[in-house]
């Protein structure tokens, strides 16, 4: 089964129907470490692809860097919404780049990144601490890039940074 489906399935198997809580992914630190390693591997593999073309239509990527102090001051719901915005841009960038890459190696890596990012995106939509559903009307800080490798770098930094810290913060609440 595709890794993205495995992520979504493991998440959904541990979600309660009434108040969704992603307990296994959040409480088992080994899972987020696995996804960090997969992000690093994808970034490394796409770097080994031969002659990836520059994107004729630049990818719009989120700026995922943050300061720890700023991050700590936000509510979990604010963090979740920010990550959803970042993931929405990444999923769109991967989809747009897929249509521009004919190289099998690059296309395969983009497809994998798309599945992983989309799985996290779908998963984070399943739980919320505030009334109402997430609306895709966010405007995160972004940049345009023509290098395919930038999409992978941004994804790795998002998983290694905001997502990892978000799950760590959730673990304090959900894993007592």
Protein backbone atom coordinates (compact mmCIF):
# COMPACT_ATOMS: atom_id res chain seq x y z
CA UNK A 1 0.00 0.00 0.00
CA UNK A 2 1.28 3.53 -0.71
CA UNK A 3 2.97 5.27 2.26
CA UNK A 4 0.49 8.15 2.12
CA UNK A 5 -2.40 5.75 2.49
CA UNK A 6 -0.61 4.07 5.40
CA UNK A 7 -0.22 7.45 7.13
CA UNK A 8 -3.87 8.35 6.63
CA UNK A 9 -5.04 4.90 7.71
CA UNK A 10 -2.89 4.87 10.85
CA UNK A 11 -4.19 8.32 11.67
CA UNK A 12 -7.84 7.52 11.05
CA UNK A 13 -7.68 4.24 12.97
CA UNK A 14 -6.78 6.19 16.05
CA UNK A 15 -9.30 8.98 15.66
CA UNK A 16 -12.32 8.93 17.95
CA UNK A 17 -15.63 9.65 16.25
CA UNK A 18 -16.88 12.29 18.67
CA UNK A 19 -13.77 14.41 19.31
CA UNK A 20 -11.12 13.45 16.81
CA UNK A 21 -7.68 13.02 18.35
CA UNK A 22 -4.71 11.66 16.40
CA UNK A 23 -3.38 9.72 19.37
CA UNK A 24 -1.06 7.17 17.80
CA UNK A 25 0.78 9.55 15.49
CA UNK A 26 1.00 12.15 18.21
CA UNK A 27 1.82 9.84 21.12
CA UNK A 28 4.28 7.56 19.31
CA UNK A 29 7.27 9.79 18.53
CA UNK A 30 8.71 7.07 16.27
CA UNK A 31 6.04 7.77 13.63
CA UNK A 32 6.90 11.45 13.14
CA UNK A 33 10.59 10.46 13.06
CA UNK A 34 9.72 7.97 10.30
CA UNK A 35 8.01 10.71 8.28
CA UNK A 36 10.99 13.03 8.78
CA UNK A 37 13.30 10.31 7.45
CA UNK A 38 11.00 9.71 4.48
CA UNK A 39 11.01 13.46 3.70
CA UNK A 40 14.82 13.46 3.82
CA UNK A 41 14.95 10.38 1.58
CA UNK A 42 12.59 11.94 -1.00
CA UNK A 43 14.69 15.12 -1.03
CA UNK A 44 17.87 13.08 -1.51
CA UNK A 45 16.35 10.89 -4.26
CA UNK A 46 15.01 13.84 -6.27
CA UNK A 47 18.48 15.40 -6.06
CA UNK A 48 19.83 12.28 -7.78
CA UNK A 49 17.40 12.52 -10.71
CA UNK A 50 19.06 13.46 -13.99
CA UNK A 51 18.56 16.92 -15.50
CA UNK A 52 15.34 18.07 -13.85
CA UNK A 53 13.98 20.99 -15.86
CA UNK A 54 13.27 24.37 -14.33
CA UNK A 55 9.54 24.84 -13.85
CA UNK A 56 8.07 27.03 -16.59
CA UNK A 57 5.25 27.94 -14.22
CA UNK A 58 6.90 28.65 -10.84
CA UNK A 59 5.74 26.71 -7.78
CA UNK A 60 4.27 28.86 -5.00
CA UNK A 61 5.77 27.52 -1.78
CA UNK A 62 5.05 28.45 1.82
CA UNK A 63 7.76 30.03 3.93
CA UNK A 64 7.91 27.43 6.69
CA UNK A 65 10.69 28.84 8.85
CA UNK A 66 9.65 30.06 12.27
CA UNK A 67 11.09 31.09 15.60
CA UNK A 68 10.48 28.81 18.52
CA UNK A 69 9.30 31.73 20.70
CA UNK A 70 6.66 32.75 18.15
CA UNK A 71 5.56 29.13 17.77
CA UNK A 72 5.16 28.56 21.51
CA UNK A 73 2.93 31.62 21.84
CA UNK A 74 0.30 30.26 19.41
CA UNK A 75 -2.69 28.08 20.27
CA UNK A 76 -2.79 24.53 18.92
CA UNK A 77 -5.69 25.53 16.66
CA UNK A 78 -3.69 28.44 15.23
CA UNK A 79 -0.73 26.11 14.63
CA UNK A 80 -3.00 23.57 12.93
CA UNK A 81 -4.49 26.20 10.63
CA UNK A 82 -1.05 27.56 9.75
CA UNK A 83 0.22 24.07 8.89
CA UNK A 84 -2.92 23.42 6.82
CA UNK A 85 -2.20 26.58 4.80
CA UNK A 86 1.41 25.47 4.30
CA UNK A 87 0.31 21.99 3.24
CA UNK A 88 -2.33 23.38 0.85
CA UNK A 89 0.38 25.35 -0.96
CA UNK A 90 2.74 22.35 -1.00
CA UNK A 91 0.08 20.00 -2.37
CA UNK A 92 -0.72 22.55 -5.07
CA UNK A 93 2.96 23.06 -5.89
CA UNK A 94 3.57 19.31 -6.18
CA UNK A 95 0.49 18.86 -8.38
CA UNK A 96 1.50 21.76 -10.61
CA UNK A 97 5.06 20.53 -10.92
CA UNK A 98 3.90 17.00 -11.78
CA UNK A 99 2.28 18.37 -14.92
CA UNK A 100 5.57 19.97 -15.97
CA UNK A 101 7.95 17.04 -15.34
CA UNK A 102 8.26 14.30 -17.91
CA UNK A 103 11.33 12.70 -16.30
CA UNK A 104 10.23 9.42 -14.67
CA UNK A 105 12.49 9.84 -11.64
CA UNK A 106 11.30 13.36 -10.86
CA UNK A 107 7.67 12.51 -11.55
CA UNK A 108 7.82 9.50 -9.21
CA UNK A 109 9.29 11.59 -6.38
CA UNK A 110 6.75 14.39 -6.92
CA UNK A 111 3.93 11.86 -6.84
CA UNK A 112 5.20 10.47 -3.54
CA UNK A 113 5.59 13.95 -2.03
CA UNK A 114 2.08 14.85 -3.20
CA UNK A 115 0.62 11.75 -1.51
CA UNK A 116 2.46 12.37 1.76
CA UNK A 117 1.64 16.08 1.95
CA UNK A 118 -1.99 15.46 0.96
CA UNK A 119 -2.31 12.74 3.64
CA UNK A 120 -1.12 15.16 6.33
CA UNK A 121 -3.45 17.81 4.90
CA UNK A 122 -6.49 15.50 5.01
CA UNK A 123 -5.53 14.28 8.45
CA UNK A 124 -5.16 17.71 10.01
CA UNK A 125 -8.61 18.63 8.71
CA UNK A 126 -10.15 15.80 10.75
CA UNK A 127 -9.60 17.41 14.13
CA UNK A 128 -10.23 20.87 15.42
CA UNK A 129 -10.54 22.66 18.74
CA UNK A 130 -12.78 25.43 17.47
CA UNK A 131 -16.27 25.34 15.99
CA UNK A 132 -16.48 25.31 12.23
CA UNK A 133 -14.36 23.74 9.56
CA UNK A 134 -11.11 24.92 8.04
CA UNK A 135 -11.62 27.20 5.10
CA UNK A 136 -8.97 27.35 2.38
CA UNK A 137 -8.92 31.15 2.55
CA UNK A 138 -5.55 31.53 4.19
CA UNK A 139 -2.74 33.58 2.80
CA UNK A 140 0.51 32.23 4.23
CA UNK A 141 3.80 33.92 3.50
CA UNK A 142 5.03 32.40 0.27
CA UNK A 143 7.68 32.54 -2.43
CA UNK A 144 7.86 31.41 -6.04
CA UNK A 145 10.47 28.84 -7.03
CA UNK A 146 11.38 27.31 -10.38
CA UNK A 147 13.54 24.52 -8.93
CA UNK A 148 11.75 21.24 -8.27
CA UNK A 149 14.14 20.48 -5.43
CA UNK A 150 12.78 23.54 -3.56
CA UNK A 151 9.43 21.77 -3.17
CA UNK A 152 11.16 18.85 -1.43
CA UNK A 153 13.29 21.13 0.76
CA UNK A 154 10.17 23.03 1.86
CA UNK A 155 8.29 19.80 2.62
CA UNK A 156 11.19 18.40 4.68
CA UNK A 157 11.51 21.65 6.64
CA UNK A 158 7.76 21.66 7.31
CA UNK A 159 7.72 18.05 8.56
CA UNK A 160 10.94 18.48 10.53
CA UNK A 161 9.85 21.80 12.02
CA UNK A 162 6.22 22.85 12.39
CA UNK A 163 4.65 19.38 12.12
CA UNK A 164 7.09 17.77 14.56
CA UNK A 165 6.65 20.56 17.12
CA UNK A 166 2.89 20.57 16.61
CA UNK A 167 2.68 16.84 17.33
CA UNK A 168 4.98 17.34 20.33
CA UNK A 169 2.62 20.03 21.66
CA UNK A 170 -0.41 17.82 21.07
CA UNK A 171 1.29 14.93 22.86
CA UNK A 172 1.42 17.03 26.05
CA UNK A 173 -2.38 17.26 25.91
CA UNK A 174 -3.42 13.89 24.46
CA UNK A 175 -0.89 11.38 25.78
CA UNK A 176 -1.30 11.52 29.54
